[in-house]
Amino acid sequence: MIAHRDPLLANAVSKMAVYVQDRFPAAFPSKEQTEAVNSYLDSICKPKHEPMTEIECEHRRLASHKITIAAICVLDRSEQERLQDVLDHISYDREYYLPERTNRRYF
């Protein structure tokens, strides 16, 4: 239902629900998960400054609550709290994700 009305929101909810429901989650979401959130937040309030101003970060943080609200039906309370905590970080840091590993061998 959300996917038809707001596909960016649906994608962000889907990606982040997978992250917070992981039995042994990483310390940070993946780059793909963070990019899904950023795509949705940019559709609501795209930052005009680099680095983002405090007001822009707060607008993004408030907009991120819609992701948590949309995820209520699939997440329990502790997962919702964890989700909002991660979304707060992404709101302030567009690159809040687990660095990708390289497959280099050093020997």
PDB file of N, CA and C in Angstrom:
ATOM      1  N   MET A   1       0.820  -1.186   0.000  1.00  0.00           N
ATOM      2  CA  MET A   1       0.000   0.000   0.000  1.00  0.00           C
ATOM      3  C   MET A   1       0.872   1.261   0.000  1.00  0.00           C
ATOM      4  N   ILE A   2       1.859   1.335   0.886  1.00  0.00           N
ATOM      5  CA  ILE A   2       2.763   2.484   0.922  1.00  0.00           C
ATOM      6  C   ILE A   2       3.542   2.572  -0.382  1.00  0.00           C
ATOM      7  N   ALA A   3       3.905   1.421  -0.941  1.00  0.00           N
ATOM      8  CA  ALA A   3       4.721   1.390  -2.154  1.00  0.00           C
ATOM      9  C   ALA A   3       4.050   2.123  -3.312  1.00  0.00           C
ATOM     10  N   HIS A   4       2.735   2.103  -3.383  1.00  0.00           N
ATOM     11  CA  HIS A   4       2.027   2.796  -4.464  1.00  0.00           C
ATOM     12  C   HIS A   4       1.979   4.301  -4.231  1.00  0.00           C
ATOM     13  N   ARG A   5       1.776   4.705  -2.995  1.00  0.00           N
ATOM     14  CA  ARG A   5       1.658   6.134  -2.677  1.00  0.00           C
ATOM     15  C   ARG A   5       3.004   6.822  -2.571  1.00  0.00           C
ATOM     16  N   ASP A   6       3.978   6.155  -1.959  1.00  0.00           N
ATOM     17  CA  ASP A   6       5.286   6.772  -1.725  1.00  0.00           C
ATOM     18  C   ASP A   6       6.372   5.705  -1.800  1.00  0.00           C
ATOM     19  N   PRO A   7       6.848   5.400  -3.011  1.00  0.00           N
ATOM     20  CA  PRO A   7       7.835   4.327  -3.160  1.00  0.00           C
ATOM     21  C   PRO A   7       9.158   4.596  -2.437  1.00  0.00           C
ATOM     22  N   LEU A   8       9.568   5.858  -2.326  1.00  0.00           N
ATOM     23  CA  LEU A   8      10.811   6.161  -1.608  1.00  0.00           C
ATOM     24  C   LEU A   8      10.666   5.852  -0.119  1.00  0.00           C
ATOM     25  N   LEU A   9       9.519   6.187   0.446  1.00  0.00           N
ATOM     26  CA  LEU A   9       9.251   5.868   1.851  1.00  0.00           C
ATOM     27  C   LEU A   9       9.214   4.357   2.040  1.00  0.00           C
ATOM     28  N   ALA A  10       8.522   3.661   1.163  1.00  0.00           N
ATOM     29  CA  ALA A  10       8.420   2.199   1.266  1.00  0.00           C
ATOM     30  C   ALA A  10       9.796   1.547   1.191  1.00  0.00           C
ATOM     31  N   ASN A  11      10.650   2.047   0.305  1.00  0.00           N
ATOM     32  CA  ASN A  11      12.000   1.493   0.178  1.00  0.00           C
ATOM     33  C   ASN A  11      12.813   1.745   1.445  1.00  0.00           C
ATOM     34  N   ALA A  12      12.728   2.958   1.992  1.00  0.00           N
ATOM     35  CA  ALA A  12      13.463   3.274   3.221  1.00  0.00           C
ATOM     36  C   ALA A  12      12.983   2.403   4.378  1.00  0.00           C
ATOM     37  N   VAL A  13      11.675   2.239   4.512  1.00  0.00           N
ATOM     38  CA  VAL A  13      11.121   1.397   5.581  1.00  0.00           C
ATOM     39  C   VAL A  13      11.605  -0.035   5.416  1.00  0.00           C
ATOM     40  N   SER A  14      11.526  -0.549   4.215  1.00  0.00           N
ATOM     41  CA  SER A  14      11.931  -1.931   3.948  1.00  0.00           C
ATOM     42  C   SER A  14      13.399  -2.165   4.285  1.00  0.00           C
ATOM     43  N   LYS A  15      14.262  -1.292   3.783  1.00  0.00           N
ATOM     44  CA  LYS A  15      15.709  -1.457   4.012  1.00  0.00           C
ATOM     45  C   LYS A  15      16.050  -1.347   5.501  1.00  0.00           C
ATOM     46  N   MET A  16      15.448  -0.381   6.185  1.00  0.00           N
ATOM     47  CA  MET A  16      15.791  -0.171   7.583  1.00  0.00           C
ATOM     48  C   MET A  16      15.150  -1.208   8.495  1.00  0.00           C
ATOM     49  N   ALA A  17      13.993  -1.729   8.133  1.00  0.00           N
ATOM     50  CA  ALA A  17      13.382  -2.802   8.927  1.00  0.00           C
ATOM     51  C   ALA A  17      14.279  -4.033   8.902  1.00  0.00           C
ATOM     52  N   VAL A  18      14.842  -4.333   7.745  1.00  0.00           N
ATOM     53  CA  VAL A  18      15.778  -5.461   7.639  1.00  0.00           C
ATOM     54  C   VAL A  18      16.969  -5.225   8.562  1.00  0.00           C
ATOM     55  N   TYR A  19      17.485  -4.005   8.570  1.00  0.00           N
ATOM     56  CA  TYR A  19      18.648  -3.685   9.411  1.00  0.00           C
ATOM     57  C   TYR A  19      18.334  -3.847  10.900  1.00  0.00           C
ATOM     58  N   VAL A  20      17.250  -3.248  11.381  1.00  0.00           N
ATOM     59  CA  VAL A  20      16.981  -3.296  12.822  1.00  0.00           C
ATOM     60  C   VAL A  20      16.468  -4.648  13.290  1.00  0.00           C
ATOM     61  N   GLN A  21      15.914  -5.459  12.388  1.00  0.00           N
ATOM     62  CA  GLN A  21      15.423  -6.778  12.780  1.00  0.00           C
ATOM     63  C   GLN A  21      16.490  -7.860  12.676  1.00  0.00           C
ATOM     64  N   ASP A  22      17.659  -7.508  12.182  1.00  0.00           N
ATOM     65  CA  ASP A  22      18.745  -8.478  12.077  1.00  0.00           C
ATOM     66  C   ASP A  22      19.089  -8.984  13.475  1.00  0.00           C
ATOM     67  N   ARG A  23      19.226 -10.274  13.600  1.00  0.00           N
ATOM     68  CA  ARG A  23      19.499 -10.871  14.911  1.00  0.00           C
ATOM     69  C   ARG A  23      20.837 -10.392  15.477  1.00  0.00           C
ATOM     70  N   PHE A  24      21.838 -10.246  14.610  1.00  0.00           N
ATOM     71  CA  PHE A  24      23.153  -9.742  15.003  1.00  0.00           C
ATOM     72  C   PHE A  24      23.503  -8.570  14.095  1.00  0.00           C
ATOM     73  N   PRO A  25      22.874  -7.413  14.318  1.00  0.00           N
ATOM     74  CA  PRO A  25      23.070  -6.287  13.404  1.00  0.00           C
ATOM     75  C   PRO A  25      24.470  -5.692  13.490  1.00  0.00           C
ATOM     76  N   ALA A  26      24.908  -5.149  12.376  1.00  0.00           N
ATOM     77  CA  ALA A  26      26.174  -4.424  12.335  1.00  0.00           C
ATOM     78  C   ALA A  26      26.015  -3.137  13.142  1.00  0.00           C
ATOM     79  N   ALA A  27      27.139  -2.535  13.489  1.00  0.00           N
ATOM     80  CA  ALA A  27      27.101  -1.290  14.255  1.00  0.00           C
ATOM     81  C   ALA A  27      26.476  -0.151  13.450  1.00  0.00           C
ATOM     82  N   PHE A  28      26.606  -0.218  12.134  1.00  0.00           N
ATOM     83  CA  PHE A  28      26.076   0.806  11.243  1.00  0.00           C
ATOM     84  C   PHE A  28      25.253   0.141  10.146  1.00  0.00           C
ATOM     85  N   PRO A  29      24.284   0.857   9.577  1.00  0.00           N
ATOM     86  CA  PRO A  29      23.574   0.310   8.417  1.00  0.00           C
ATOM     87  C   PRO A  29      24.516   0.253   7.216  1.00  0.00           C
ATOM     88  N   SER A  30      24.126  -0.482   6.197  1.00  0.00           N
ATOM     89  CA  SER A  30      24.934  -0.547   4.977  1.00  0.00           C
ATOM     90  C   SER A  30      24.786   0.759   4.196  1.00  0.00           C
ATOM     91  N   LYS A  31      25.667   0.934   3.232  1.00  0.00           N
ATOM     92  CA  LYS A  31      25.582   2.117   2.378  1.00  0.00           C
ATOM     93  C   LYS A  31      24.240   2.138   1.642  1.00  0.00           C
ATOM     94  N   GLU A  32      23.796   0.986   1.172  1.00  0.00           N
ATOM     95  CA  GLU A  32      22.521   0.884   0.453  1.00  0.00           C
ATOM     96  C   GLU A  32      21.347   1.293   1.351  1.00  0.00           C
ATOM     97  N   GLN A  33      21.369   0.869   2.605  1.00  0.00           N
ATOM     98  CA  GLN A  33      20.296   1.225   3.538  1.00  0.00           C
ATOM     99  C   GLN A  33      20.302   2.725   3.823  1.00  0.00           C
ATOM    100  N   THR A  34      21.490   3.281   4.035  1.00  0.00           N
ATOM    101  CA  THR A  34      21.606   4.717   4.291  1.00  0.00           C
ATOM    102  C   THR A  34      21.163   5.521   3.074  1.00  0.00           C
ATOM    103  N   GLU A  35      21.538   5.063   1.882  1.00  0.00           N
ATOM    104  CA  GLU A  35      21.138   5.770   0.663  1.00  0.00           C
ATOM    105  C   GLU A  35      19.622   5.745   0.470  1.00  0.00           C
ATOM    106  N   ALA A  36      18.965   4.663   0.865  1.00  0.00           N
ATOM    107  CA  ALA A  36      17.500   4.597   0.769  1.00  0.00           C
ATOM    108  C   ALA A  36      16.867   5.655   1.675  1.00  0.00           C
ATOM    109  N   VAL A  37      17.408   5.797   2.881  1.00  0.00           N
ATOM    110  CA  VAL A  37      16.899   6.818   3.809  1.00  0.00           C
ATOM    111  C   VAL A  37      17.176   8.210   3.250  1.00  0.00           C
ATOM    112  N   ASN A  38      18.400   8.439   2.768  1.00  0.00           N
ATOM    113  CA  ASN A  38      18.743   9.748   2.213  1.00  0.00           C
ATOM    114  C   ASN A  38      17.865  10.107   1.016  1.00  0.00           C
ATOM    115  N   SER A  39      17.547   9.142   0.171  1.00  0.00           N
ATOM    116  CA  SER A  39      16.674   9.410  -0.986  1.00  0.00           C
ATOM    117  C   SER A  39      15.307   9.894  -0.517  1.00  0.00           C
ATOM    118  N   TYR A  40      14.768   9.219   0.491  1.00  0.00           N
ATOM    119  CA  TYR A  40      13.469   9.641   1.015  1.00  0.00           C
ATOM    120  C   TYR A  40      13.570  11.028   1.656  1.00  0.00           C
ATOM    121  N   LEU A  41      14.562  11.226   2.520  1.00  0.00           N
ATOM    122  CA  LEU A  41      14.693  12.518   3.203  1.00  0.00           C
ATOM    123  C   LEU A  41      14.938  13.652   2.211  1.00  0.00           C
ATOM    124  N   ASP A  42      15.724  13.388   1.156  1.00  0.00           N
ATOM    125  CA  ASP A  42      15.964  14.412   0.136  1.00  0.00           C
ATOM    126  C   ASP A  42      14.680  14.767  -0.608  1.00  0.00           C
ATOM    127  N   SER A  43      13.778  13.803  -0.754  1.00  0.00           N
ATOM    128  CA  SER A  43      12.508  14.086  -1.434  1.00  0.00           C
ATOM    129  C   SER A  43      11.618  14.995  -0.584  1.00  0.00           C
ATOM    130  N   ILE A  44      11.840  14.994   0.719  1.00  0.00           N
ATOM    131  CA  ILE A  44      11.063  15.826   1.639  1.00  0.00           C
ATOM    132  C   ILE A  44      11.726  17.187   1.842  1.00  0.00           C
ATOM    133  N   CYS A  45      13.019  17.174   2.109  1.00  0.00           N
ATOM    134  CA  CYS A  45      13.736  18.421   2.409  1.00  0.00           C
ATOM    135  C   CYS A  45      15.213  18.263   2.038  1.00  0.00           C
ATOM    136  N   LYS A  46      15.524  18.519   0.788  1.00  0.00           N
ATOM    137  CA  LYS A  46      16.899  18.381   0.305  1.00  0.00           C
ATOM    138  C   LYS A  46      17.758  19.516   0.876  1.00  0.00           C
ATOM    139  N   PRO A  47      18.918  19.172   1.468  1.00  0.00           N
ATOM    140  CA  PRO A  47      19.801  20.203   2.017  1.00  0.00           C
ATOM    141  C   PRO A  47      20.330  21.130   0.918  1.00  0.00           C
ATOM    142  N   LYS A  48      20.451  22.398   1.240  1.00  0.00           N
ATOM    143  CA  LYS A  48      20.953  23.381   0.286  1.00  0.00           C
ATOM    144  C   LYS A  48      22.377  23.812   0.608  1.00  0.00           C
ATOM    145  N   HIS A  49      22.899  23.370   1.732  1.00  0.00           N
ATOM    146  CA  HIS A  49      24.239  23.770   2.163  1.00  0.00           C
ATOM    147  C   HIS A  49      25.108  22.541   2.387  1.00  0.00           C
ATOM    148  N   GLU A  50      26.393  22.734   2.181  1.00  0.00           N
ATOM    149  CA  GLU A  50      27.354  21.667   2.481  1.00  0.00           C
ATOM    150  C   GLU A  50      28.457  22.281   3.322  1.00  0.00           C
ATOM    151  N   PRO A  51      28.636  21.923   4.553  1.00  0.00           N
ATOM    152  CA  PRO A  51      27.867  20.930   5.299  1.00  0.00           C
ATOM    153  C   PRO A  51      26.459  21.449   5.616  1.00  0.00           C
ATOM    154  N   MET A  52      25.593  20.507   5.965  1.00  0.00           N
ATOM    155  CA  MET A  52      24.208  20.870   6.272  1.00  0.00           C
ATOM    156  C   MET A  52      24.157  21.769   7.501  1.00  0.00           C
ATOM    157  N   THR A  53      23.222  22.699   7.478  1.00  0.00           N
ATOM    158  CA  THR A  53      23.030  23.557   8.642  1.00  0.00           C
ATOM    159  C   THR A  53      22.275  22.783   9.724  1.00  0.00           C
ATOM    160  N   GLU A  54      22.296  23.315  10.919  1.00  0.00           N
ATOM    161  CA  GLU A  54      21.576  22.703  12.037  1.00  0.00           C
ATOM    162  C   GLU A  54      20.076  22.604  11.732  1.00  0.00           C
ATOM    163  N   ILE A  55      19.535  23.635  11.119  1.00  0.00           N
ATOM    164  CA  ILE A  55      18.104  23.633  10.781  1.00  0.00           C
ATOM    165  C   ILE A  55      17.801  22.553   9.749  1.00  0.00           C
ATOM    166  N   GLU A  56      18.658  22.407   8.744  1.00  0.00           N
ATOM    167  CA  GLU A  56      18.450  21.356   7.739  1.00  0.00           C
ATOM    168  C   GLU A  56      18.504  19.975   8.381  1.00  0.00           C
ATOM    169  N   CYS A  57      19.447  19.782   9.280  1.00  0.00           N
ATOM    170  CA  CYS A  57      19.553  18.495   9.984  1.00  0.00           C
ATOM    171  C   CYS A  57      18.295  18.214  10.798  1.00  0.00           C
ATOM    172  N   GLU A  58      17.789  19.230  11.467  1.00  0.00           N
ATOM    173  CA  GLU A  58      16.569  19.050  12.263  1.00  0.00           C
ATOM    174  C   GLU A  58      15.356  18.777  11.384  1.00  0.00           C
ATOM    175  N   HIS A  59      15.273  19.428  10.232  1.00  0.00           N
ATOM    176  CA  HIS A  59      14.174  19.131   9.300  1.00  0.00           C
ATOM    177  C   HIS A  59      14.254  17.682   8.845  1.00  0.00           C
ATOM    178  N   ARG A  60      15.463  17.214   8.541  1.00  0.00           N
ATOM    179  CA  ARG A  60      15.648  15.816   8.131  1.00  0.00           C
ATOM    180  C   ARG A  60      15.276  14.875   9.277  1.00  0.00           C
ATOM    181  N   ARG A  61      15.675  15.230  10.495  1.00  0.00           N
ATOM    182  CA  ARG A  61      15.365  14.380  11.650  1.00  0.00           C
ATOM    183  C   ARG A  61      13.855  14.276  11.853  1.00  0.00           C
ATOM    184  N   LEU A  62      13.165  15.392  11.749  1.00  0.00           N
ATOM    185  CA  LEU A  62      11.705  15.366  11.892  1.00  0.00           C
ATOM    186  C   LEU A  62      11.057  14.562  10.764  1.00  0.00           C
ATOM    187  N   ALA A  63      11.555  14.713   9.545  1.00  0.00           N
ATOM    188  CA  ALA A  63      11.012  13.946   8.413  1.00  0.00           C
ATOM    189  C   ALA A  63      11.264  12.452   8.591  1.00  0.00           C
ATOM    190  N   SER A  64      12.360  12.101   9.262  1.00  0.00           N
ATOM    191  CA  SER A  64      12.685  10.681   9.458  1.00  0.00           C
ATOM    192  C   SER A  64      11.664   9.972  10.352  1.00  0.00           C
ATOM    193  N   HIS A  65      10.937  10.727  11.155  1.00  0.00           N
ATOM    194  CA  HIS A  65       9.913  10.115  12.016  1.00  0.00           C
ATOM    195  C   HIS A  65       8.828   9.428  11.190  1.00  0.00           C
ATOM    196  N   LYS A  66       8.606   9.905   9.977  1.00  0.00           N
ATOM    197  CA  LYS A  66       7.596   9.270   9.118  1.00  0.00           C
ATOM    198  C   LYS A  66       8.026   7.848   8.751  1.00  0.00           C
ATOM    199  N   ILE A  67       9.335   7.616   8.630  1.00  0.00           N
ATOM    200  CA  ILE A  67       9.836   6.262   8.362  1.00  0.00           C
ATOM    201  C   ILE A  67       9.499   5.364   9.547  1.00  0.00           C
ATOM    202  N   THR A  68       9.770   5.846  10.749  1.00  0.00           N
ATOM    203  CA  THR A  68       9.477   5.062  11.953  1.00  0.00           C
ATOM    204  C   THR A  68       7.976   4.815  12.092  1.00  0.00           C
ATOM    205  N   ILE A  69       7.179   5.827  11.833  1.00  0.00           N
ATOM    206  CA  ILE A  69       5.721   5.667  11.925  1.00  0.00           C
ATOM    207  C   ILE A  69       5.235   4.622  10.925  1.00  0.00           C
ATOM    208  N   ALA A  70       5.775   4.659   9.711  1.00  0.00           N
ATOM    209  CA  ALA A  70       5.361   3.694   8.684  1.00  0.00           C
ATOM    210  C   ALA A  70       5.791   2.274   9.037  1.00  0.00           C
ATOM    211  N   ALA A  71       6.819   2.144   9.880  1.00  0.00           N
ATOM    212  CA  ALA A  71       7.331   0.820  10.253  1.00  0.00           C
ATOM    213  C   ALA A  71       6.672   0.256  11.510  1.00  0.00           C
ATOM    214  N   ILE A  72       5.765   0.990  12.127  1.00  0.00           N
ATOM    215  CA  ILE A  72       5.140   0.554  13.381  1.00  0.00           C
ATOM    216  C   ILE A  72       4.524  -0.835  13.273  1.00  0.00           C
ATOM    217  N   CYS A  73       3.899  -1.128  12.151  1.00  0.00           N
ATOM    218  CA  CYS A  73       3.201  -2.417  12.021  1.00  0.00           C
ATOM    219  C   CYS A  73       4.154  -3.607  11.890  1.00  0.00           C
ATOM    220  N   VAL A  74       5.438  -3.366  11.615  1.00  0.00           N
ATOM    221  CA  VAL A  74       6.368  -4.495  11.451  1.00  0.00           C
ATOM    222  C   VAL A  74       7.454  -4.558  12.526  1.00  0.00           C
ATOM    223  N   LEU A  75       7.581  -3.510  13.344  1.00  0.00           N
ATOM    224  CA  LEU A  75       8.636  -3.476  14.360  1.00  0.00           C
ATOM    225  C   LEU A  75       8.040  -3.412  15.760  1.00  0.00           C
ATOM    226  N   ASP A  76       8.714  -4.060  16.707  1.00  0.00           N
ATOM    227  CA  ASP A  76       8.288  -3.918  18.100  1.00  0.00           C
ATOM    228  C   ASP A  76       8.878  -2.621  18.663  1.00  0.00           C
ATOM    229  N   ARG A  77       8.540  -2.319  19.897  1.00  0.00           N
ATOM    230  CA  ARG A  77       8.933  -1.031  20.484  1.00  0.00           C
ATOM    231  C   ARG A  77      10.446  -0.826  20.522  1.00  0.00           C
ATOM    232  N   SER A  78      11.188  -1.832  20.936  1.00  0.00           N
ATOM    233  CA  SER A  78      12.645  -1.672  21.016  1.00  0.00           C
ATOM    234  C   SER A  78      13.252  -1.496  19.623  1.00  0.00           C
ATOM    235  N   GLU A  79      12.694  -2.183  18.631  1.00  0.00           N
ATOM    236  CA  GLU A  79      13.180  -2.019  17.256  1.00  0.00           C
ATOM    237  C   GLU A  79      12.843  -0.623  16.725  1.00  0.00           C
ATOM    238  N   GLN A  80      11.668  -0.111  17.092  1.00  0.00           N
ATOM    239  CA  GLN A  80      11.293   1.247  16.681  1.00  0.00           C
ATOM    240  C   GLN A  80      12.246   2.276  17.284  1.00  0.00           C
ATOM    241  N   GLU A  81      12.596   2.084  18.551  1.00  0.00           N
ATOM    242  CA  GLU A  81      13.519   3.010  19.210  1.00  0.00           C
ATOM    243  C   GLU A  81      14.897   2.950  18.567  1.00  0.00           C
ATOM    244  N   ARG A  82      15.348   1.742  18.266  1.00  0.00           N
ATOM    245  CA  ARG A  82      16.646   1.585  17.606  1.00  0.00           C
ATOM    246  C   ARG A  82      16.610   2.209  16.215  1.00  0.00           C
ATOM    247  N   LEU A  83      15.525   1.985  15.488  1.00  0.00           N
ATOM    248  CA  LEU A  83      15.377   2.568  14.158  1.00  0.00           C
ATOM    249  C   LEU A  83      15.462   4.086  14.229  1.00  0.00           C
ATOM    250  N   GLN A  84      14.724   4.699  15.148  1.00  0.00           N
ATOM    251  CA  GLN A  84      14.737   6.156  15.222  1.00  0.00           C
ATOM    252  C   GLN A  84      16.108   6.674  15.624  1.00  0.00           C
ATOM    253  N   ASP A  85      16.806   5.954  16.474  1.00  0.00           N
ATOM    254  CA  ASP A  85      18.160   6.356  16.850  1.00  0.00           C
ATOM    255  C   ASP A  85      19.076   6.372  15.624  1.00  0.00           C
ATOM    256  N   VAL A  86      19.010   5.329  14.815  1.00  0.00           N
ATOM    257  CA  VAL A  86      19.836   5.261  13.603  1.00  0.00           C
ATOM    258  C   VAL A  86      19.411   6.348  12.617  1.00  0.00           C
ATOM    259  N   LEU A  87      18.109   6.563  12.473  1.00  0.00           N
ATOM    260  CA  LEU A  87      17.626   7.608  11.566  1.00  0.00           C
ATOM    261  C   LEU A  87      18.080   8.992  12.017  1.00  0.00           C
ATOM    262  N   ASP A  88      18.133   9.215  13.326  1.00  0.00           N
ATOM    263  CA  ASP A  88      18.643  10.492  13.837  1.00  0.00           C
ATOM    264  C   ASP A  88      20.090  10.699  13.403  1.00  0.00           C
ATOM    265  N   HIS A  89      20.891   9.646  13.474  1.00  0.00           N
ATOM    266  CA  HIS A  89      22.288   9.745  13.039  1.00  0.00           C
ATOM    267  C   HIS A  89      22.374  10.047  11.543  1.00  0.00           C
ATOM    268  N   ILE A  90      21.574   9.342  10.743  1.00  0.00           N
ATOM    269  CA  ILE A  90      21.588   9.560   9.292  1.00  0.00           C
ATOM    270  C   ILE A  90      21.119  10.976   8.963  1.00  0.00           C
ATOM    271  N   SER A  91      20.190  11.503   9.734  1.00  0.00           N
ATOM    272  CA  SER A  91      19.689  12.861   9.505  1.00  0.00           C
ATOM    273  C   SER A  91      20.802  13.891   9.601  1.00  0.00           C
ATOM    274  N   TYR A  92      21.735  13.648  10.484  1.00  0.00           N
ATOM    275  CA  TYR A  92      22.848  14.575  10.679  1.00  0.00           C
ATOM    276  C   TYR A  92      24.084  14.213   9.869  1.00  0.00           C
ATOM    277  N   ASP A  93      24.211  12.973   9.470  1.00  0.00           N
ATOM    278  CA  ASP A  93      25.392  12.508   8.737  1.00  0.00           C
ATOM    279  C   ASP A  93      24.938  11.657   7.556  1.00  0.00           C
ATOM    280  N   ARG A  94      24.960  12.242   6.369  1.00  0.00           N
ATOM    281  CA  ARG A  94      24.493  11.555   5.164  1.00  0.00           C
ATOM    282  C   ARG A  94      25.320  10.306   4.855  1.00  0.00           C
ATOM    283  N   GLU A  95      26.500  10.207   5.416  1.00  0.00           N
ATOM    284  CA  GLU A  95      27.379   9.066   5.148  1.00  0.00           C
ATOM    285  C   GLU A  95      27.525   8.169   6.375  1.00  0.00           C
ATOM    286  N   TYR A  96      26.461   8.047   7.142  1.00  0.00           N
ATOM    287  CA  TYR A  96      26.439   7.195   8.329  1.00  0.00           C
ATOM    288  C   TYR A  96      26.141   5.768   7.896  1.00  0.00           C
ATOM    289  N   TYR A  97      27.199   5.048   7.528  1.00  0.00           N
ATOM    290  CA  TYR A  97      27.049   3.650   7.123  1.00  0.00           C
ATOM    291  C   TYR A  97      28.348   2.910   7.357  1.00  0.00           C
ATOM    292  N   LEU A  98      28.256   1.606   7.318  1.00  0.00           N
ATOM    293  CA  LEU A  98      29.403   0.736   7.509  1.00  0.00           C
ATOM    294  C   LEU A  98      30.294   0.844   6.289  1.00  0.00           C
ATOM    295  N   PRO A  99      31.567   1.205   6.471  1.00  0.00           N
ATOM    296  CA  PRO A  99      32.464   1.280   5.307  1.00  0.00           C
ATOM    297  C   PRO A  99      32.527  -0.071   4.602  1.00  0.00           C
ATOM    298  N   GLU A 100      32.548  -0.013   3.275  1.00  0.00           N
ATOM    299  CA  GLU A 100      32.599  -1.251   2.512  1.00  0.00           C
ATOM    300  C   GLU A 100      33.989  -1.854   2.603  1.00  0.00           C
ATOM    301  N   ARG A 101      34.018  -3.157   2.674  1.00  0.00           N
ATOM    302  CA  ARG A 101      35.291  -3.864   2.765  1.00  0.00           C
ATOM    303  C   ARG A 101      35.885  -4.030   1.376  1.00  0.00           C
ATOM    304  N   THR A 102      37.191  -3.991   1.329  1.00  0.00           N
ATOM    305  CA  THR A 102      37.873  -4.272   0.069  1.00  0.00           C
ATOM    306  C   THR A 102      38.400  -5.691   0.131  1.00  0.00           C
ATOM    307  N   ASN A 103      38.568  -6.292  -0.990  1.00  0.00           N
ATOM    308  CA  ASN A 103      39.046  -7.673  -1.050  1.00  0.00           C
ATOM    309  C   ASN A 103      40.534  -7.740  -1.362  1.00  0.00           C
ATOM    310  N   ARG A 104      41.285  -6.822  -0.829  1.00  0.00           N
ATOM    311  CA  ARG A 104      42.728  -6.807  -1.057  1.00  0.00           C
ATOM    312  C   ARG A 104      43.413  -7.783  -0.121  1.00  0.00           C
ATOM    313  N   ARG A 105      44.434  -8.392  -0.637  1.00  0.00           N
ATOM    314  CA  ARG A 105      45.252  -9.277   0.195  1.00  0.00           C
ATOM    315  C   ARG A 105      46.611  -8.621   0.381  1.00  0.00           C
ATOM    316  N   TYR A 106      47.060  -8.593   1.596  1.00  0.00           N
ATOM    317  CA  TYR A 106      48.326  -7.937   1.924  1.00  0.00           C
ATOM    318  C   TYR A 106      49.356  -8.961   2.361  1.00  0.00           C
ATOM    319  N   PHE A 107      49.824  -9.775   1.432  1.00  0.00           N
ATOM    320  CA  PHE A 107      50.916 -10.705   1.749  1.00  0.00           C
ATOM    321  C   PHE A 107      51.664 -11.041   0.505  1.00  0.00           C
TER     322      PHE A 107
END
